[in-house]
N, C-alpha and C. Protein backbone atom coordinates (compact mmCIF):
# COMPACT_ATOMS: atom_id res chain seq x y z
N MET A 1 -36.69 50.49 -23.59
CA MET A 1 -37.00 49.23 -24.19
C MET A 1 -35.72 48.45 -24.53
N LYS A 2 -34.74 49.21 -25.16
CA LYS A 2 -33.48 48.57 -25.49
C LYS A 2 -32.77 48.11 -24.23
N SER A 3 -32.83 48.91 -23.21
CA SER A 3 -32.16 48.59 -21.97
C SER A 3 -32.78 47.36 -21.33
N ALA A 4 -34.08 47.20 -21.41
CA ALA A 4 -34.75 46.01 -20.86
C ALA A 4 -34.34 44.77 -21.65
N ARG A 5 -34.24 44.88 -22.97
CA ARG A 5 -33.81 43.75 -23.80
C ARG A 5 -32.35 43.40 -23.50
N LEU A 6 -31.53 44.42 -23.34
CA LEU A 6 -30.12 44.22 -23.04
C LEU A 6 -29.95 43.52 -21.69
N GLN A 7 -30.71 43.98 -20.68
CA GLN A 7 -30.66 43.34 -19.36
C GLN A 7 -31.15 41.90 -19.46
N SER A 8 -32.20 41.69 -20.21
CA SER A 8 -32.75 40.35 -20.38
C SER A 8 -31.73 39.44 -21.08
N ALA A 9 -31.05 39.97 -22.09
CA ALA A 9 -30.04 39.20 -22.81
C ALA A 9 -28.86 38.86 -21.89
N ARG A 10 -28.44 39.82 -21.08
CA ARG A 10 -27.34 39.58 -20.13
C ARG A 10 -27.73 38.53 -19.10
N LEU A 11 -28.95 38.65 -18.59
CA LEU A 11 -29.44 37.68 -17.61
C LEU A 11 -29.49 36.29 -18.22
N PHE A 12 -29.97 36.22 -19.47
CA PHE A 12 -30.04 34.94 -20.16
C PHE A 12 -28.63 34.36 -20.34
N THR A 13 -27.68 35.19 -20.75
CA THR A 13 -26.30 34.75 -20.96
C THR A 13 -25.69 34.26 -19.65
N ARG A 14 -25.90 35.00 -18.58
CA ARG A 14 -25.39 34.58 -17.26
C ARG A 14 -26.03 33.27 -16.83
N SER A 15 -27.33 33.17 -17.01
CA SER A 15 -28.04 31.94 -16.64
C SER A 15 -27.51 30.76 -17.44
N LEU A 16 -27.29 30.98 -18.72
CA LEU A 16 -26.75 29.94 -19.58
C LEU A 16 -25.35 29.53 -19.11
N SER A 17 -24.53 30.50 -18.74
CA SER A 17 -23.18 30.22 -18.25
C SER A 17 -23.23 29.42 -16.95
N VAL A 18 -24.11 29.81 -16.05
CA VAL A 18 -24.25 29.09 -14.77
C VAL A 18 -24.72 27.66 -15.03
N CYS A 19 -25.69 27.49 -15.93
CA CYS A 19 -26.18 26.14 -16.26
C CYS A 19 -25.06 25.29 -16.86
N ALA A 20 -24.26 25.88 -17.74
CA ALA A 20 -23.15 25.15 -18.35
C ALA A 20 -22.13 24.74 -17.28
N LEU A 21 -21.83 25.63 -16.36
CA LEU A 21 -20.89 25.33 -15.28
C LEU A 21 -21.43 24.21 -14.40
N LEU A 22 -22.70 24.28 -14.04
CA LEU A 22 -23.31 23.23 -13.22
C LEU A 22 -23.30 21.90 -13.95
N ALA A 23 -23.55 21.92 -15.25
CA ALA A 23 -23.52 20.69 -16.04
C ALA A 23 -22.12 20.09 -16.04
N LEU A 24 -21.10 20.93 -16.17
CA LEU A 24 -19.73 20.43 -16.13
C LEU A 24 -19.39 19.84 -14.77
N LEU A 25 -19.81 20.50 -13.72
CA LEU A 25 -19.55 19.98 -12.37
C LEU A 25 -20.27 18.66 -12.16
N ALA A 26 -21.48 18.56 -12.66
CA ALA A 26 -22.24 17.32 -12.51
C ALA A 26 -21.59 16.19 -13.29
N CYS A 27 -20.89 16.51 -14.37
CA CYS A 27 -20.26 15.49 -15.20
C CYS A 27 -18.88 15.09 -14.69
N SER A 28 -18.30 15.86 -13.79
CA SER A 28 -16.98 15.49 -13.32
C SER A 28 -17.11 14.19 -12.54
N PRO A 29 -16.41 13.15 -13.01
CA PRO A 29 -16.64 11.82 -12.45
C PRO A 29 -16.02 11.65 -11.06
N LYS A 30 -16.78 11.01 -10.20
CA LYS A 30 -16.24 10.61 -8.90
C LYS A 30 -15.26 9.47 -9.13
N PHE A 31 -15.62 8.61 -10.10
CA PHE A 31 -14.76 7.48 -10.46
C PHE A 31 -14.05 7.84 -11.76
N ASN A 32 -12.78 8.21 -11.63
CA ASN A 32 -11.97 8.61 -12.77
C ASN A 32 -11.07 7.42 -13.13
N TRP A 33 -11.65 6.44 -13.85
CA TRP A 33 -10.96 5.19 -14.15
C TRP A 33 -9.73 5.43 -15.01
N ARG A 34 -8.64 4.75 -14.65
CA ARG A 34 -7.39 4.84 -15.39
C ARG A 34 -6.70 3.48 -15.35
N GLU A 35 -6.02 3.14 -16.43
CA GLU A 35 -5.30 1.88 -16.49
C GLU A 35 -3.95 2.04 -15.81
N VAL A 36 -3.65 1.11 -14.92
CA VAL A 36 -2.40 1.13 -14.17
C VAL A 36 -1.63 -0.15 -14.47
N HIS A 37 -0.35 0.01 -14.81
CA HIS A 37 0.54 -1.13 -15.02
C HIS A 37 1.50 -1.17 -13.84
N SER A 38 1.54 -2.29 -13.16
CA SER A 38 2.41 -2.41 -11.99
C SER A 38 3.87 -2.40 -12.40
N LYS A 39 4.68 -1.75 -11.57
CA LYS A 39 6.13 -1.76 -11.76
C LYS A 39 6.75 -2.95 -11.04
N ASP A 40 5.97 -3.54 -10.11
CA ASP A 40 6.51 -4.60 -9.25
C ASP A 40 6.09 -6.01 -9.66
N ALA A 41 5.03 -6.14 -10.44
CA ALA A 41 4.52 -7.45 -10.82
C ALA A 41 3.88 -7.34 -12.21
N PRO A 42 3.80 -8.44 -12.93
CA PRO A 42 3.27 -8.38 -14.30
C PRO A 42 1.73 -8.36 -14.36
N TYR A 43 1.14 -7.20 -14.10
CA TYR A 43 -0.31 -7.07 -14.23
C TYR A 43 -0.69 -5.65 -14.59
N SER A 44 -1.93 -5.52 -15.07
CA SER A 44 -2.54 -4.20 -15.29
C SER A 44 -3.96 -4.27 -14.74
N VAL A 45 -4.50 -3.10 -14.39
CA VAL A 45 -5.83 -3.03 -13.80
C VAL A 45 -6.36 -1.61 -13.98
N LEU A 46 -7.68 -1.47 -14.00
CA LEU A 46 -8.31 -0.15 -14.00
C LEU A 46 -8.55 0.26 -12.56
N LEU A 47 -8.08 1.44 -12.18
CA LEU A 47 -8.33 1.98 -10.84
C LEU A 47 -9.14 3.26 -10.96
N PRO A 48 -10.05 3.51 -9.99
CA PRO A 48 -10.97 4.65 -10.10
C PRO A 48 -10.40 5.99 -9.64
N ALA A 49 -9.16 6.01 -9.22
CA ALA A 49 -8.52 7.25 -8.74
C ALA A 49 -7.01 7.02 -8.78
N LYS A 50 -6.26 8.08 -8.53
CA LYS A 50 -4.80 7.96 -8.53
C LYS A 50 -4.37 7.02 -7.40
N PRO A 51 -3.58 5.98 -7.73
CA PRO A 51 -3.22 5.00 -6.71
C PRO A 51 -1.97 5.37 -5.91
N SER A 52 -1.86 4.71 -4.77
CA SER A 52 -0.66 4.73 -3.95
C SER A 52 -0.14 3.30 -3.90
N THR A 53 1.17 3.14 -3.74
CA THR A 53 1.76 1.81 -3.68
C THR A 53 2.69 1.73 -2.47
N PHE A 54 2.62 0.59 -1.78
CA PHE A 54 3.54 0.35 -0.66
C PHE A 54 3.76 -1.14 -0.54
N SER A 55 4.84 -1.53 0.12
CA SER A 55 5.17 -2.94 0.33
C SER A 55 5.42 -3.18 1.80
N ARG A 56 5.11 -4.42 2.23
CA ARG A 56 5.42 -4.79 3.61
C ARG A 56 5.47 -6.31 3.71
N PRO A 57 6.25 -6.82 4.66
CA PRO A 57 6.31 -8.27 4.85
C PRO A 57 5.03 -8.76 5.55
N ILE A 58 4.52 -9.89 5.09
CA ILE A 58 3.37 -10.51 5.73
C ILE A 58 3.61 -12.02 5.82
N ASP A 59 2.82 -12.68 6.65
CA ASP A 59 2.89 -14.12 6.80
C ASP A 59 1.58 -14.71 6.29
N LEU A 60 1.66 -15.56 5.29
CA LEU A 60 0.47 -16.21 4.74
C LEU A 60 0.45 -17.66 5.20
N ASP A 61 -0.08 -17.86 6.39
CA ASP A 61 -0.20 -19.20 6.95
C ASP A 61 1.14 -19.94 6.95
N GLY A 62 2.16 -19.25 7.48
CA GLY A 62 3.48 -19.85 7.60
C GLY A 62 4.41 -19.58 6.43
N VAL A 63 3.93 -18.89 5.42
CA VAL A 63 4.77 -18.55 4.26
C VAL A 63 5.07 -17.06 4.29
N PRO A 64 6.31 -16.67 4.64
CA PRO A 64 6.63 -15.25 4.66
C PRO A 64 6.84 -14.71 3.23
N VAL A 65 6.19 -13.60 2.93
CA VAL A 65 6.33 -12.95 1.62
C VAL A 65 6.34 -11.43 1.82
N THR A 66 6.77 -10.73 0.80
CA THR A 66 6.64 -9.28 0.79
C THR A 66 5.48 -8.95 -0.14
N MET A 67 4.44 -8.36 0.41
CA MET A 67 3.24 -8.01 -0.36
C MET A 67 3.35 -6.56 -0.79
N THR A 68 3.16 -6.31 -2.08
CA THR A 68 3.10 -4.95 -2.61
C THR A 68 1.65 -4.64 -2.91
N MET A 69 1.15 -3.57 -2.30
CA MET A 69 -0.24 -3.15 -2.49
C MET A 69 -0.28 -1.88 -3.33
N THR A 70 -1.14 -1.89 -4.33
CA THR A 70 -1.44 -0.70 -5.11
C THR A 70 -2.92 -0.44 -4.91
N ALA A 71 -3.25 0.72 -4.35
CA ALA A 71 -4.64 0.96 -3.95
C ALA A 71 -5.07 2.39 -4.26
N ALA A 72 -6.38 2.51 -4.48
CA ALA A 72 -7.01 3.81 -4.66
C ALA A 72 -8.27 3.83 -3.80
N LYS A 73 -8.60 5.00 -3.29
CA LYS A 73 -9.76 5.14 -2.42
C LYS A 73 -10.68 6.20 -2.99
N VAL A 74 -11.97 5.87 -3.07
CA VAL A 74 -13.00 6.83 -3.47
C VAL A 74 -14.00 6.85 -2.33
N ASP A 75 -14.14 8.00 -1.70
CA ASP A 75 -14.93 8.13 -0.48
C ASP A 75 -14.40 7.11 0.52
N ASP A 76 -15.21 6.19 0.99
CA ASP A 76 -14.75 5.19 1.96
C ASP A 76 -14.53 3.82 1.34
N THR A 77 -14.52 3.74 0.02
CA THR A 77 -14.35 2.47 -0.67
C THR A 77 -12.92 2.33 -1.18
N VAL A 78 -12.30 1.19 -0.85
CA VAL A 78 -10.92 0.92 -1.25
C VAL A 78 -10.92 -0.09 -2.39
N PHE A 79 -10.14 0.22 -3.42
CA PHE A 79 -9.90 -0.66 -4.55
C PHE A 79 -8.41 -0.98 -4.50
N ALA A 80 -8.04 -2.26 -4.39
CA ALA A 80 -6.63 -2.58 -4.20
C ALA A 80 -6.23 -3.87 -4.89
N VAL A 81 -4.97 -3.90 -5.30
CA VAL A 81 -4.35 -5.12 -5.81
C VAL A 81 -3.12 -5.36 -4.96
N GLY A 82 -3.05 -6.56 -4.39
CA GLY A 82 -1.87 -6.98 -3.65
C GLY A 82 -1.16 -8.04 -4.46
N SER A 83 0.16 -7.96 -4.53
CA SER A 83 0.92 -8.97 -5.28
C SER A 83 2.12 -9.41 -4.45
N ALA A 84 2.44 -10.68 -4.61
CA ALA A 84 3.59 -11.25 -3.90
C ALA A 84 4.06 -12.48 -4.67
N THR A 85 5.22 -12.97 -4.30
CA THR A 85 5.76 -14.19 -4.89
C THR A 85 6.03 -15.17 -3.77
N VAL A 86 5.47 -16.38 -3.91
CA VAL A 86 5.72 -17.43 -2.92
C VAL A 86 6.95 -18.22 -3.37
N PRO A 87 7.64 -18.89 -2.43
CA PRO A 87 8.87 -19.59 -2.79
C PRO A 87 8.66 -20.76 -3.74
N ASP A 88 7.43 -21.32 -3.75
CA ASP A 88 7.17 -22.52 -4.52
C ASP A 88 5.73 -22.47 -5.05
N ALA A 89 5.54 -22.75 -6.34
CA ALA A 89 4.20 -22.69 -6.95
C ALA A 89 3.21 -23.63 -6.25
N ALA A 90 3.71 -24.71 -5.67
CA ALA A 90 2.82 -25.65 -4.98
C ALA A 90 2.18 -25.02 -3.74
N ARG A 91 2.74 -23.96 -3.22
CA ARG A 91 2.19 -23.30 -2.02
C ARG A 91 1.25 -22.14 -2.37
N ALA A 92 1.10 -21.85 -3.64
CA ALA A 92 0.28 -20.70 -4.06
C ALA A 92 -1.19 -20.86 -3.67
N GLN A 93 -1.76 -22.04 -3.85
CA GLN A 93 -3.17 -22.26 -3.51
C GLN A 93 -3.42 -21.99 -2.02
N ALA A 94 -2.54 -22.49 -1.17
CA ALA A 94 -2.68 -22.25 0.27
C ALA A 94 -2.54 -20.77 0.60
N ALA A 95 -1.67 -20.07 -0.14
CA ALA A 95 -1.49 -18.63 0.08
C ALA A 95 -2.76 -17.87 -0.29
N LEU A 96 -3.44 -18.28 -1.37
CA LEU A 96 -4.70 -17.63 -1.76
C LEU A 96 -5.74 -17.79 -0.66
N ILE A 97 -5.84 -18.98 -0.12
CA ILE A 97 -6.81 -19.24 0.95
C ILE A 97 -6.47 -18.40 2.18
N ALA A 98 -5.18 -18.29 2.50
CA ALA A 98 -4.76 -17.48 3.65
C ALA A 98 -5.09 -16.01 3.45
N MET A 99 -4.89 -15.48 2.23
CA MET A 99 -5.22 -14.08 1.96
C MET A 99 -6.72 -13.85 2.10
N LYS A 100 -7.52 -14.74 1.51
CA LYS A 100 -8.98 -14.61 1.58
C LYS A 100 -9.44 -14.65 3.03
N THR A 101 -8.95 -15.62 3.79
CA THR A 101 -9.34 -15.78 5.18
C THR A 101 -8.99 -14.54 6.00
N ALA A 102 -7.80 -13.99 5.80
CA ALA A 102 -7.37 -12.80 6.55
C ALA A 102 -8.25 -11.60 6.23
N LEU A 103 -8.59 -11.40 4.97
CA LEU A 103 -9.42 -10.24 4.61
C LEU A 103 -10.84 -10.37 5.13
N VAL A 104 -11.40 -11.56 5.09
CA VAL A 104 -12.75 -11.77 5.65
C VAL A 104 -12.72 -11.52 7.16
N LYS A 105 -11.66 -11.97 7.82
CA LYS A 105 -11.52 -11.72 9.27
C LYS A 105 -11.37 -10.23 9.56
N ASN A 106 -10.70 -9.49 8.67
CA ASN A 106 -10.51 -8.04 8.87
C ASN A 106 -11.82 -7.29 9.01
N ILE A 107 -12.88 -7.79 8.39
CA ILE A 107 -14.19 -7.13 8.50
C ILE A 107 -15.13 -7.92 9.42
N ASN A 108 -14.54 -8.85 10.20
CA ASN A 108 -15.36 -9.72 11.06
C ASN A 108 -16.50 -10.31 10.24
N GLY A 109 -16.15 -10.78 9.04
CA GLY A 109 -17.16 -11.14 8.05
C GLY A 109 -17.50 -12.60 7.94
N THR A 110 -18.54 -12.81 7.17
CA THR A 110 -18.94 -14.14 6.75
C THR A 110 -19.05 -14.13 5.23
N VAL A 111 -18.73 -15.25 4.63
CA VAL A 111 -18.75 -15.37 3.18
C VAL A 111 -20.18 -15.58 2.71
N LYS A 112 -20.64 -14.71 1.80
CA LYS A 112 -21.98 -14.84 1.20
C LYS A 112 -21.93 -15.71 -0.05
N ALA A 113 -20.86 -15.58 -0.82
CA ALA A 113 -20.72 -16.35 -2.06
C ALA A 113 -19.24 -16.60 -2.30
N GLU A 114 -18.94 -17.79 -2.82
CA GLU A 114 -17.55 -18.14 -3.10
C GLU A 114 -17.49 -19.10 -4.27
N LYS A 115 -16.51 -18.87 -5.14
CA LYS A 115 -16.29 -19.74 -6.30
C LYS A 115 -14.79 -20.01 -6.37
N THR A 116 -14.42 -21.28 -6.44
CA THR A 116 -13.02 -21.65 -6.50
C THR A 116 -12.73 -22.39 -7.79
N ASN A 117 -11.66 -22.01 -8.45
CA ASN A 117 -11.13 -22.76 -9.59
C ASN A 117 -9.82 -23.37 -9.10
N ALA A 118 -9.85 -24.67 -8.89
CA ALA A 118 -8.70 -25.36 -8.31
C ALA A 118 -7.47 -25.21 -9.19
N ALA A 119 -6.33 -25.45 -8.58
CA ALA A 119 -5.06 -25.34 -9.30
C ALA A 119 -5.08 -26.23 -10.53
N ALA A 120 -4.72 -25.65 -11.65
CA ALA A 120 -4.67 -26.39 -12.91
C ALA A 120 -3.38 -26.04 -13.63
N ASN A 121 -2.80 -27.03 -14.26
CA ASN A 121 -1.59 -26.79 -15.03
C ASN A 121 -2.01 -26.60 -16.48
N ASN A 122 -1.84 -25.38 -17.00
CA ASN A 122 -2.23 -25.10 -18.38
C ASN A 122 -1.05 -24.49 -19.13
N ALA A 123 -1.31 -23.99 -20.32
CA ALA A 123 -0.24 -23.44 -21.16
C ALA A 123 0.50 -22.29 -20.48
N GLN A 124 -0.18 -21.55 -19.61
CA GLN A 124 0.46 -20.44 -18.90
C GLN A 124 1.14 -20.88 -17.60
N GLY A 125 1.06 -22.15 -17.25
CA GLY A 125 1.65 -22.64 -16.01
C GLY A 125 0.56 -22.98 -15.01
N LEU A 126 0.96 -23.20 -13.78
CA LEU A 126 0.03 -23.56 -12.71
C LEU A 126 -0.76 -22.34 -12.28
N SER A 127 -2.10 -22.45 -12.26
CA SER A 127 -2.92 -21.31 -11.86
C SER A 127 -4.13 -21.77 -11.05
N ALA A 128 -4.63 -20.88 -10.21
CA ALA A 128 -5.82 -21.14 -9.40
C ALA A 128 -6.46 -19.80 -9.09
N SER A 129 -7.76 -19.83 -8.74
CA SER A 129 -8.41 -18.57 -8.34
C SER A 129 -9.55 -18.84 -7.37
N ILE A 130 -9.84 -17.82 -6.58
CA ILE A 130 -10.97 -17.83 -5.64
C ILE A 130 -11.66 -16.48 -5.79
N ASP A 131 -12.98 -16.51 -5.98
CA ASP A 131 -13.78 -15.28 -5.99
C ASP A 131 -14.69 -15.33 -4.78
N VAL A 132 -14.80 -14.21 -4.08
CA VAL A 132 -15.57 -14.21 -2.84
C VAL A 132 -16.32 -12.89 -2.67
N GLU A 133 -17.48 -13.00 -2.06
CA GLU A 133 -18.22 -11.83 -1.58
C GLU A 133 -18.49 -12.10 -0.10
N ALA A 134 -18.10 -11.16 0.74
CA ALA A 134 -18.29 -11.32 2.18
C ALA A 134 -18.88 -10.06 2.77
N VAL A 135 -19.64 -10.23 3.85
CA VAL A 135 -20.20 -9.09 4.57
C VAL A 135 -19.75 -9.19 6.02
N GLY A 136 -19.57 -8.04 6.63
CA GLY A 136 -19.14 -7.98 8.02
C GLY A 136 -19.40 -6.60 8.57
N ALA A 137 -18.56 -6.19 9.50
CA ALA A 137 -18.73 -4.87 10.12
C ALA A 137 -17.39 -4.33 10.60
N THR A 138 -17.31 -3.01 10.66
CA THR A 138 -16.13 -2.35 11.21
C THR A 138 -16.15 -2.55 12.72
N PRO A 139 -15.04 -2.27 13.41
CA PRO A 139 -15.07 -2.34 14.87
C PRO A 139 -16.16 -1.45 15.48
N GLY A 140 -16.55 -0.39 14.78
CA GLY A 140 -17.62 0.50 15.24
C GLY A 140 -19.02 -0.02 14.93
N GLY A 141 -19.09 -1.18 14.26
CA GLY A 141 -20.38 -1.79 13.97
C GLY A 141 -21.02 -1.41 12.65
N LYS A 142 -20.32 -0.64 11.81
CA LYS A 142 -20.89 -0.25 10.52
C LYS A 142 -20.74 -1.41 9.52
N PRO A 143 -21.82 -1.75 8.79
CA PRO A 143 -21.77 -2.86 7.83
C PRO A 143 -20.73 -2.62 6.72
N GLU A 144 -19.92 -3.63 6.47
CA GLU A 144 -18.88 -3.58 5.44
C GLU A 144 -19.11 -4.72 4.45
N VAL A 145 -18.63 -4.53 3.23
CA VAL A 145 -18.69 -5.58 2.23
C VAL A 145 -17.31 -5.73 1.59
N LEU A 146 -16.99 -6.94 1.19
CA LEU A 146 -15.73 -7.25 0.54
C LEU A 146 -16.04 -8.04 -0.72
N PHE A 147 -15.53 -7.58 -1.85
CA PHE A 147 -15.54 -8.35 -3.09
C PHE A 147 -14.08 -8.66 -3.37
N GLY A 148 -13.75 -9.94 -3.53
CA GLY A 148 -12.35 -10.29 -3.74
C GLY A 148 -12.15 -11.31 -4.84
N HIS A 149 -11.06 -11.14 -5.55
CA HIS A 149 -10.62 -12.10 -6.56
C HIS A 149 -9.17 -12.42 -6.20
N PHE A 150 -8.91 -13.66 -5.86
CA PHE A 150 -7.59 -14.10 -5.44
C PHE A 150 -7.10 -15.07 -6.51
N VAL A 151 -5.93 -14.80 -7.08
CA VAL A 151 -5.48 -15.60 -8.21
C VAL A 151 -3.98 -15.86 -8.11
N SER A 152 -3.58 -17.04 -8.59
CA SER A 152 -2.16 -17.37 -8.64
C SER A 152 -1.79 -17.76 -10.07
N LYS A 153 -0.57 -17.41 -10.43
CA LYS A 153 0.04 -17.81 -11.70
C LYS A 153 1.44 -18.29 -11.34
N ASP A 154 1.63 -19.59 -11.33
CA ASP A 154 2.87 -20.19 -10.87
C ASP A 154 3.19 -19.70 -9.45
N LYS A 155 4.31 -18.99 -9.25
CA LYS A 155 4.68 -18.54 -7.90
C LYS A 155 4.14 -17.15 -7.57
N GLU A 156 3.49 -16.50 -8.53
CA GLU A 156 2.94 -15.15 -8.30
C GLU A 156 1.52 -15.27 -7.76
N ILE A 157 1.23 -14.50 -6.71
CA ILE A 157 -0.13 -14.50 -6.14
C ILE A 157 -0.64 -13.07 -6.10
N TYR A 158 -1.97 -12.94 -6.26
CA TYR A 158 -2.60 -11.62 -6.31
C TYR A 158 -3.90 -11.63 -5.53
N GLN A 159 -4.18 -10.51 -4.88
CA GLN A 159 -5.51 -10.28 -4.31
C GLN A 159 -6.03 -9.00 -4.95
N VAL A 160 -7.20 -9.09 -5.56
CA VAL A 160 -7.82 -7.95 -6.23
C VAL A 160 -9.12 -7.71 -5.46
N ILE A 161 -9.18 -6.63 -4.68
CA ILE A 161 -10.29 -6.47 -3.75
C ILE A 161 -10.94 -5.10 -3.81
N VAL A 162 -12.22 -5.10 -3.47
CA VAL A 162 -12.97 -3.86 -3.24
C VAL A 162 -13.60 -4.04 -1.87
N MET A 163 -13.39 -3.04 -1.00
CA MET A 163 -13.89 -3.14 0.37
C MET A 163 -14.37 -1.77 0.83
N GLY A 164 -15.52 -1.76 1.51
CA GLY A 164 -16.02 -0.50 2.03
C GLY A 164 -17.40 -0.66 2.64
N PRO A 165 -18.03 0.46 2.99
CA PRO A 165 -19.36 0.41 3.59
C PRO A 165 -20.35 -0.29 2.65
N GLU A 166 -21.13 -1.18 3.22
CA GLU A 166 -22.05 -1.98 2.41
C GLU A 166 -22.98 -1.12 1.56
N THR A 167 -23.41 0.02 2.10
CA THR A 167 -24.33 0.89 1.36
C THR A 167 -23.63 1.73 0.30
N ALA A 168 -22.30 1.84 0.37
CA ALA A 168 -21.58 2.71 -0.56
C ALA A 168 -20.90 1.96 -1.71
N VAL A 169 -20.63 0.68 -1.52
CA VAL A 169 -19.91 -0.08 -2.54
C VAL A 169 -20.88 -0.50 -3.63
N SER A 170 -20.59 -0.07 -4.83
CA SER A 170 -21.41 -0.41 -5.99
C SER A 170 -20.92 -1.74 -6.58
N ARG A 171 -21.83 -2.69 -6.72
CA ARG A 171 -21.48 -3.98 -7.33
C ARG A 171 -20.91 -3.75 -8.74
N GLU A 172 -21.50 -2.80 -9.47
CA GLU A 172 -21.04 -2.51 -10.83
C GLU A 172 -19.59 -2.02 -10.84
N ASN A 173 -19.23 -1.12 -9.93
CA ASN A 173 -17.85 -0.64 -9.85
C ASN A 173 -16.90 -1.75 -9.40
N ALA A 174 -17.35 -2.59 -8.48
CA ALA A 174 -16.52 -3.71 -8.03
C ALA A 174 -16.27 -4.67 -9.19
N GLU A 175 -17.31 -4.97 -9.95
CA GLU A 175 -17.15 -5.88 -11.09
C GLU A 175 -16.26 -5.27 -12.17
N THR A 176 -16.41 -3.97 -12.42
CA THR A 176 -15.55 -3.29 -13.41
C THR A 176 -14.09 -3.42 -13.00
N PHE A 177 -13.81 -3.14 -11.74
CA PHE A 177 -12.44 -3.20 -11.24
C PHE A 177 -11.88 -4.61 -11.31
N ILE A 178 -12.60 -5.57 -10.77
CA ILE A 178 -12.09 -6.95 -10.71
C ILE A 178 -11.93 -7.53 -12.12
N ALA A 179 -12.90 -7.29 -13.00
CA ALA A 179 -12.81 -7.82 -14.37
C ALA A 179 -11.67 -7.19 -15.16
N SER A 180 -11.24 -6.00 -14.77
CA SER A 180 -10.17 -5.32 -15.51
C SER A 180 -8.78 -5.88 -15.19
N PHE A 181 -8.66 -6.65 -14.11
CA PHE A 181 -7.35 -7.18 -13.72
C PHE A 181 -6.85 -8.16 -14.79
N LYS A 182 -5.65 -7.90 -15.28
CA LYS A 182 -5.04 -8.76 -16.30
C LYS A 182 -3.61 -9.09 -15.89
N HIS A 183 -3.32 -10.39 -15.87
CA HIS A 183 -1.95 -10.83 -15.64
C HIS A 183 -1.23 -10.73 -16.98
N ASN A 184 -0.12 -10.02 -17.02
CA ASN A 184 0.59 -9.80 -18.30
C ASN A 184 1.70 -10.82 -18.51
C-alpha cells in the first residue's frame, strides 16, 4: 500500500515537473522585445530579437548616401531601421519618397494605404513623414507585406520597416515596432 502511494506521489511529482517545464517553454517569447539605441544616429526603437547592424552606400534618386541598417529577424519577418544623412535638408522629402518607392519595388508591390505629413518647419527643425502599407510577392510568388514609416528630421532620414510573408506578419507587432521608434 505504501509502495503504491509512493509510486503515485512520484508519478504526480514527475507529471507536475513536466507540466511546469512545458509551461515555461510555452511562455518563452518568440518576440523578445528590447530597446535599442543606435550608435550611428540619434534614435531608439524596440526590436523583437538581437539586431545586426551594417552600412552600405546607396543612391536615393540621385542623392548618394551611406545607409546604416539595424535589423532583427523573427522567422521570415524582418524588422529594420535604416538611417542616413542627406547633404541638404531640402532634399530629405525626396529621399523619403525614393526609399519608399525602392522598398515597394523590392516586393513587386502595390501600395494599399499611404499617409504623408508634408515637410514642416517646427521647433525641432524641418521634418516630414510617410506611412505606407504595401502588398506584393517574392520572386517565387509568395505574398509579401511591407509596413513602413519613413521620416526626416532636418538632414537625417530614417526608414522604419517590417517586411515578410503576408500570412506571418502580425499587424500588432508591426505597429508596436513602428510606434516605438523615437528620434532622440
